[in-house]
Every structure is written in C-alpha cells, then in structure tokens.
Amino acid sequence: MANDVHACAVVGKALERGDYGVKGILARAILRQPNLLVAMARTRQGKVASDVLLASSDENVRLQARTQLVAGCDSLLRTRYGRLTAAALEVNGVAADIGSEGVRRGSTSS
C-alpha cells in the first residue's frame, strides 16, 4: 500500500475526515504492519497519514506512531517528505538533533 500513491491518499483522507471509529480502526491497522507507517511517511500522500497519527487524540496511537517513526528515522531522512516527518518528531519533543547525522533515535528534547 505504501508504494501506491492513490492508496496512501485515500487512507490519509479517511484518517483526516473519517469519524472517530474509522480513524481508530485505520490507525491500528497501519500500526500493526511492520514498517508501513515509515514507508508511508516517506511519500507526499502518506505523510498526511503519519501527521494524523502523530496528532491523534488516542495517546496509545500517538505513542506507537512516534516509536515506529523514530525507529525508522534513517529511512525517513532519505526522502523529502520523510525529512519533514522527522522534523515534526523533533517539534513534538520526541527526537532531537536533526542534521547531517540524522535523528538520534529515542532521544527526547527538554
């Protein structure tokens, strides 16, 4: 799915505009698939989905999304939209030191 721009766009819109129940089901389905969120976050259309999960009102979804994205920072930093996602992690206080060395995994900023 992450390689299909249309699928990523549809999932992103569903996460943005769907009702609370639909958002939760989609979020958990994405987070259950290894590396899917990171792969999506590296694309223009998939970044929308990663942004929605990072801003989720469900604390568990937010934590799992952040954990997966921080773990995949090396991969994120290879694409334009992945770098934007990594920067969003830093803004949210999850990761620090974005630069030529990449994001230091698991770090938190004060």
N, C-alpha and C. Protein backbone atom coordinates (compact mmCIF):
# COMPACT_ATOMS: atom_id res chain seq x y z
N MET A 1 0.81 -1.19 0.00
CA MET A 1 0.00 0.00 0.00
C MET A 1 0.86 1.26 0.00
N ALA A 2 1.96 1.27 0.72
CA ALA A 2 2.79 2.47 0.82
C ALA A 2 3.35 2.89 -0.53
N ASN A 3 3.49 1.96 -1.46
CA ASN A 3 4.01 2.28 -2.78
C ASN A 3 2.94 2.77 -3.74
N ASP A 4 1.69 2.66 -3.36
CA ASP A 4 0.57 3.09 -4.19
C ASP A 4 0.13 4.47 -3.71
N VAL A 5 0.45 5.50 -4.50
CA VAL A 5 0.15 6.87 -4.08
C VAL A 5 -1.34 7.09 -3.90
N HIS A 6 -2.15 6.43 -4.71
CA HIS A 6 -3.59 6.61 -4.58
C HIS A 6 -4.11 6.00 -3.28
N ALA A 7 -3.59 4.84 -2.92
CA ALA A 7 -4.00 4.21 -1.67
C ALA A 7 -3.60 5.07 -0.48
N CYS A 8 -2.39 5.60 -0.51
CA CYS A 8 -1.93 6.48 0.58
C CYS A 8 -2.80 7.72 0.69
N ALA A 9 -3.19 8.28 -0.45
CA ALA A 9 -4.04 9.47 -0.45
C ALA A 9 -5.41 9.16 0.14
N VAL A 10 -5.97 8.03 -0.24
CA VAL A 10 -7.29 7.65 0.28
C VAL A 10 -7.23 7.41 1.78
N VAL A 11 -6.22 6.69 2.23
CA VAL A 11 -6.07 6.42 3.66
C VAL A 11 -5.86 7.72 4.43
N GLY A 12 -5.04 8.61 3.88
CA GLY A 12 -4.82 9.90 4.52
C GLY A 12 -6.10 10.70 4.67
N LYS A 13 -6.90 10.74 3.63
CA LYS A 13 -8.18 11.47 3.69
C LYS A 13 -9.13 10.81 4.68
N ALA A 14 -9.16 9.49 4.70
CA ALA A 14 -10.04 8.80 5.65
C ALA A 14 -9.62 9.10 7.09
N LEU A 15 -8.31 9.17 7.32
CA LEU A 15 -7.83 9.49 8.66
C LEU A 15 -8.11 10.95 9.02
N GLU A 16 -8.06 11.82 8.04
CA GLU A 16 -8.33 13.24 8.29
C GLU A 16 -9.81 13.50 8.55
N ARG A 17 -10.67 12.87 7.74
CA ARG A 17 -12.08 13.25 7.73
C ARG A 17 -13.04 12.20 8.26
N GLY A 18 -12.54 11.01 8.50
CA GLY A 18 -13.43 9.94 8.96
C GLY A 18 -13.90 10.16 10.38
N ASP A 19 -14.92 9.42 10.78
CA ASP A 19 -15.37 9.54 12.16
C ASP A 19 -14.36 8.83 13.08
N TYR A 20 -14.53 9.06 14.36
CA TYR A 20 -13.57 8.58 15.35
C TYR A 20 -13.34 7.07 15.25
N GLY A 21 -14.40 6.30 15.06
CA GLY A 21 -14.27 4.84 14.98
C GLY A 21 -13.46 4.39 13.79
N VAL A 22 -13.71 5.00 12.63
CA VAL A 22 -12.97 4.67 11.41
C VAL A 22 -11.51 5.03 11.57
N LYS A 23 -11.24 6.19 12.14
CA LYS A 23 -9.85 6.62 12.35
C LYS A 23 -9.10 5.62 13.22
N GLY A 24 -9.74 5.16 14.28
CA GLY A 24 -9.09 4.22 15.19
C GLY A 24 -8.79 2.89 14.52
N ILE A 25 -9.74 2.39 13.75
CA ILE A 25 -9.55 1.12 13.04
C ILE A 25 -8.40 1.24 12.04
N LEU A 26 -8.40 2.31 11.26
CA LEU A 26 -7.33 2.51 10.27
C LEU A 26 -5.98 2.68 10.95
N ALA A 27 -5.95 3.48 12.00
CA ALA A 27 -4.68 3.73 12.70
C ALA A 27 -4.09 2.42 13.22
N ARG A 28 -4.90 1.63 13.88
CA ARG A 28 -4.40 0.36 14.43
C ARG A 28 -3.96 -0.60 13.33
N ALA A 29 -4.69 -0.60 12.21
CA ALA A 29 -4.30 -1.47 11.08
C ALA A 29 -2.95 -1.05 10.51
N ILE A 30 -2.72 0.23 10.37
CA ILE A 30 -1.43 0.74 9.85
C ILE A 30 -0.31 0.40 10.82
N LEU A 31 -0.55 0.62 12.11
CA LEU A 31 0.50 0.39 13.10
C LEU A 31 0.83 -1.09 13.29
N ARG A 32 -0.11 -1.97 12.96
CA ARG A 32 0.15 -3.42 13.08
C ARG A 32 1.10 -3.94 12.01
N GLN A 33 1.17 -3.26 10.89
CA GLN A 33 2.02 -3.72 9.79
C GLN A 33 3.44 -3.17 9.96
N PRO A 34 4.42 -4.03 10.11
CA PRO A 34 5.80 -3.55 10.30
C PRO A 34 6.25 -2.65 9.15
N ASN A 35 6.81 -1.53 9.49
CA ASN A 35 7.42 -0.57 8.55
C ASN A 35 6.44 0.15 7.63
N LEU A 36 5.15 -0.12 7.75
CA LEU A 36 4.19 0.53 6.85
C LEU A 36 4.11 2.03 7.11
N LEU A 37 4.04 2.44 8.37
CA LEU A 37 3.93 3.87 8.67
C LEU A 37 5.17 4.62 8.19
N VAL A 38 6.33 4.05 8.40
CA VAL A 38 7.57 4.70 7.95
C VAL A 38 7.58 4.81 6.42
N ALA A 39 7.20 3.75 5.74
CA ALA A 39 7.16 3.78 4.28
C ALA A 39 6.16 4.83 3.79
N MET A 40 5.01 4.92 4.44
CA MET A 40 4.03 5.92 4.05
C MET A 40 4.54 7.33 4.31
N ALA A 41 5.19 7.53 5.45
CA ALA A 41 5.66 8.86 5.84
C ALA A 41 6.72 9.40 4.89
N ARG A 42 7.33 8.52 4.12
CA ARG A 42 8.36 8.95 3.17
C ARG A 42 7.77 9.51 1.88
N THR A 43 6.44 9.40 1.71
CA THR A 43 5.81 9.86 0.48
C THR A 43 4.93 11.08 0.74
N ARG A 44 4.68 11.82 -0.31
CA ARG A 44 3.85 13.03 -0.19
C ARG A 44 2.45 12.70 0.35
N GLN A 45 1.82 11.71 -0.26
CA GLN A 45 0.47 11.37 0.14
C GLN A 45 0.43 10.66 1.49
N GLY A 46 1.41 9.85 1.76
CA GLY A 46 1.45 9.10 3.02
C GLY A 46 1.81 9.95 4.22
N LYS A 47 2.49 11.07 3.99
CA LYS A 47 2.86 11.95 5.10
C LYS A 47 1.62 12.46 5.82
N VAL A 48 0.54 12.65 5.08
CA VAL A 48 -0.71 13.10 5.69
C VAL A 48 -1.14 12.11 6.76
N ALA A 49 -1.08 10.82 6.44
CA ALA A 49 -1.48 9.79 7.40
C ALA A 49 -0.56 9.80 8.62
N SER A 50 0.74 9.95 8.41
CA SER A 50 1.65 9.96 9.56
C SER A 50 1.39 11.19 10.43
N ASP A 51 1.10 12.32 9.82
CA ASP A 51 0.80 13.54 10.58
C ASP A 51 -0.45 13.35 11.43
N VAL A 52 -1.47 12.73 10.85
CA VAL A 52 -2.72 12.50 11.59
C VAL A 52 -2.46 11.56 12.78
N LEU A 53 -1.68 10.52 12.57
CA LEU A 53 -1.40 9.59 13.67
C LEU A 53 -0.58 10.26 14.77
N LEU A 54 0.35 11.12 14.39
CA LEU A 54 1.14 11.83 15.39
C LEU A 54 0.31 12.83 16.20
N ALA A 55 -0.79 13.28 15.62
CA ALA A 55 -1.67 14.24 16.30
C ALA A 55 -2.93 13.58 16.85
N SER A 56 -2.98 12.27 16.85
CA SER A 56 -4.17 11.54 17.28
C SER A 56 -4.55 11.88 18.72
N SER A 57 -5.85 11.88 18.98
CA SER A 57 -6.31 12.10 20.36
C SER A 57 -6.12 10.84 21.21
N ASP A 58 -5.86 9.71 20.57
CA ASP A 58 -5.60 8.45 21.26
C ASP A 58 -4.12 8.38 21.61
N GLU A 59 -3.83 8.48 22.89
CA GLU A 59 -2.43 8.52 23.34
C GLU A 59 -1.65 7.28 22.91
N ASN A 60 -2.28 6.12 22.94
CA ASN A 60 -1.62 4.88 22.54
C ASN A 60 -1.22 4.92 21.06
N VAL A 61 -2.11 5.42 20.21
CA VAL A 61 -1.82 5.54 18.78
C VAL A 61 -0.66 6.51 18.58
N ARG A 62 -0.70 7.66 19.26
CA ARG A 62 0.39 8.65 19.15
C ARG A 62 1.72 8.05 19.55
N LEU A 63 1.75 7.34 20.67
CA LEU A 63 2.99 6.75 21.17
C LEU A 63 3.53 5.69 20.21
N GLN A 64 2.66 4.81 19.72
CA GLN A 64 3.10 3.77 18.78
C GLN A 64 3.60 4.40 17.48
N ALA A 65 2.91 5.42 17.00
CA ALA A 65 3.34 6.09 15.76
C ALA A 65 4.71 6.72 15.96
N ARG A 66 4.88 7.45 17.04
CA ARG A 66 6.18 8.08 17.31
C ARG A 66 7.29 7.03 17.43
N THR A 67 7.01 5.97 18.15
CA THR A 67 8.01 4.92 18.35
C THR A 67 8.44 4.33 17.01
N GLN A 68 7.47 4.02 16.15
CA GLN A 68 7.80 3.45 14.84
C GLN A 68 8.56 4.45 13.97
N LEU A 69 8.15 5.69 14.00
CA LEU A 69 8.80 6.69 13.15
C LEU A 69 10.21 6.99 13.63
N VAL A 70 10.40 7.08 14.93
CA VAL A 70 11.76 7.30 15.46
C VAL A 70 12.65 6.12 15.10
N ALA A 71 12.13 4.91 15.21
CA ALA A 71 12.92 3.72 14.85
C ALA A 71 13.28 3.72 13.37
N GLY A 72 12.45 4.33 12.54
CA GLY A 72 12.71 4.36 11.10
C GLY A 72 13.31 5.65 10.60
N CYS A 73 13.90 6.45 11.49
CA CYS A 73 14.43 7.75 11.09
C CYS A 73 15.51 7.67 10.01
N ASP A 74 16.33 6.65 10.05
CA ASP A 74 17.35 6.53 9.00
C ASP A 74 16.70 6.48 7.63
N SER A 75 15.62 5.74 7.53
CA SER A 75 14.88 5.63 6.28
C SER A 75 14.15 6.94 5.95
N LEU A 76 13.57 7.56 6.94
CA LEU A 76 12.84 8.82 6.73
C LEU A 76 13.74 9.91 6.15
N LEU A 77 14.96 9.96 6.62
CA LEU A 77 15.86 11.04 6.23
C LEU A 77 16.32 10.94 4.77
N ARG A 78 15.95 9.88 4.08
CA ARG A 78 16.37 9.71 2.68
C ARG A 78 15.43 10.37 1.68
N THR A 79 14.27 10.84 2.16
CA THR A 79 13.32 11.47 1.23
C THR A 79 12.86 12.82 1.77
N ARG A 80 12.39 13.65 0.87
CA ARG A 80 11.92 14.99 1.23
C ARG A 80 10.81 14.93 2.28
N TYR A 81 9.80 14.14 2.02
CA TYR A 81 8.67 14.08 2.95
C TYR A 81 9.03 13.32 4.22
N GLY A 82 9.94 12.39 4.12
CA GLY A 82 10.44 11.72 5.31
C GLY A 82 11.17 12.69 6.23
N ARG A 83 11.95 13.59 5.65
CA ARG A 83 12.65 14.60 6.46
C ARG A 83 11.65 15.53 7.13
N LEU A 84 10.56 15.85 6.45
CA LEU A 84 9.52 16.68 7.07
C LEU A 84 8.88 15.96 8.25
N THR A 85 8.67 14.67 8.11
CA THR A 85 8.12 13.88 9.21
C THR A 85 9.10 13.84 10.37
N ALA A 86 10.38 13.64 10.07
CA ALA A 86 11.40 13.63 11.13
C ALA A 86 11.45 14.97 11.85
N ALA A 87 11.30 16.05 11.11
CA ALA A 87 11.28 17.38 11.72
C ALA A 87 10.06 17.53 12.63
N ALA A 88 8.92 16.96 12.22
CA ALA A 88 7.72 17.01 13.06
C ALA A 88 7.93 16.24 14.36
N LEU A 89 8.69 15.17 14.30
CA LEU A 89 9.01 14.42 15.52
C LEU A 89 9.80 15.31 16.48
N GLU A 90 10.72 16.06 15.95
CA GLU A 90 11.54 16.93 16.78
C GLU A 90 10.67 18.02 17.41
N VAL A 91 9.78 18.60 16.63
CA VAL A 91 8.91 19.66 17.14
C VAL A 91 8.04 19.12 18.27
N ASN A 92 7.62 17.87 18.16
CA ASN A 92 6.79 17.26 19.20
C ASN A 92 7.60 16.76 20.39
N GLY A 93 8.90 17.02 20.40
CA GLY A 93 9.72 16.65 21.54
C GLY A 93 10.12 15.20 21.60
N VAL A 94 10.03 14.50 20.50
CA VAL A 94 10.34 13.08 20.50
C VAL A 94 11.77 12.81 20.11
N ALA A 95 12.27 13.51 19.14
CA ALA A 95 13.63 13.27 18.68
C ALA A 95 14.34 14.60 18.52
N ALA A 96 15.62 14.58 18.66
CA ALA A 96 16.40 15.81 18.55
C ALA A 96 17.56 15.59 17.59
N ASP A 97 18.26 16.65 17.33
CA ASP A 97 19.49 16.59 16.54
C ASP A 97 19.28 16.17 15.11
N ILE A 98 18.33 16.77 14.43
CA ILE A 98 18.18 16.51 13.00
C ILE A 98 19.24 17.33 12.29
N GLY A 99 19.98 16.70 11.47
CA GLY A 99 21.03 17.37 10.73
C GLY A 99 21.69 16.37 9.83
N SER A 100 22.95 16.63 9.49
CA SER A 100 23.63 15.73 8.58
C SER A 100 23.82 14.34 9.18
N GLU A 101 23.82 14.25 10.49
CA GLU A 101 23.97 12.95 11.14
C GLU A 101 22.64 12.22 11.27
N GLY A 102 21.55 12.90 11.00
CA GLY A 102 20.23 12.28 11.13
C GLY A 102 19.64 12.54 12.50
N VAL A 103 18.61 11.82 12.82
CA VAL A 103 17.92 11.96 14.08
C VAL A 103 18.46 10.93 15.05
N ARG A 104 18.80 11.38 16.22
CA ARG A 104 19.27 10.46 17.25
C ARG A 104 18.05 9.71 17.77
N ARG A 105 18.00 8.42 17.59
CA ARG A 105 16.83 7.62 17.94
C ARG A 105 16.60 7.59 19.44
N GLY A 106 15.30 7.71 19.78
CA GLY A 106 14.92 7.55 21.17
C GLY A 106 15.23 8.73 22.05
N SER A 107 15.75 9.80 21.50
CA SER A 107 16.09 10.94 22.34
C SER A 107 14.86 11.79 22.54
N THR A 108 14.85 12.52 23.64
CA THR A 108 13.77 13.46 23.89
C THR A 108 14.38 14.81 24.18
N SER A 109 13.72 15.83 23.72
CA SER A 109 14.22 17.17 23.99
C SER A 109 13.52 17.74 25.20
N SER A 110 14.20 18.61 25.90
CA SER A 110 13.64 19.19 27.14
C SER A 110 12.95 20.48 26.86
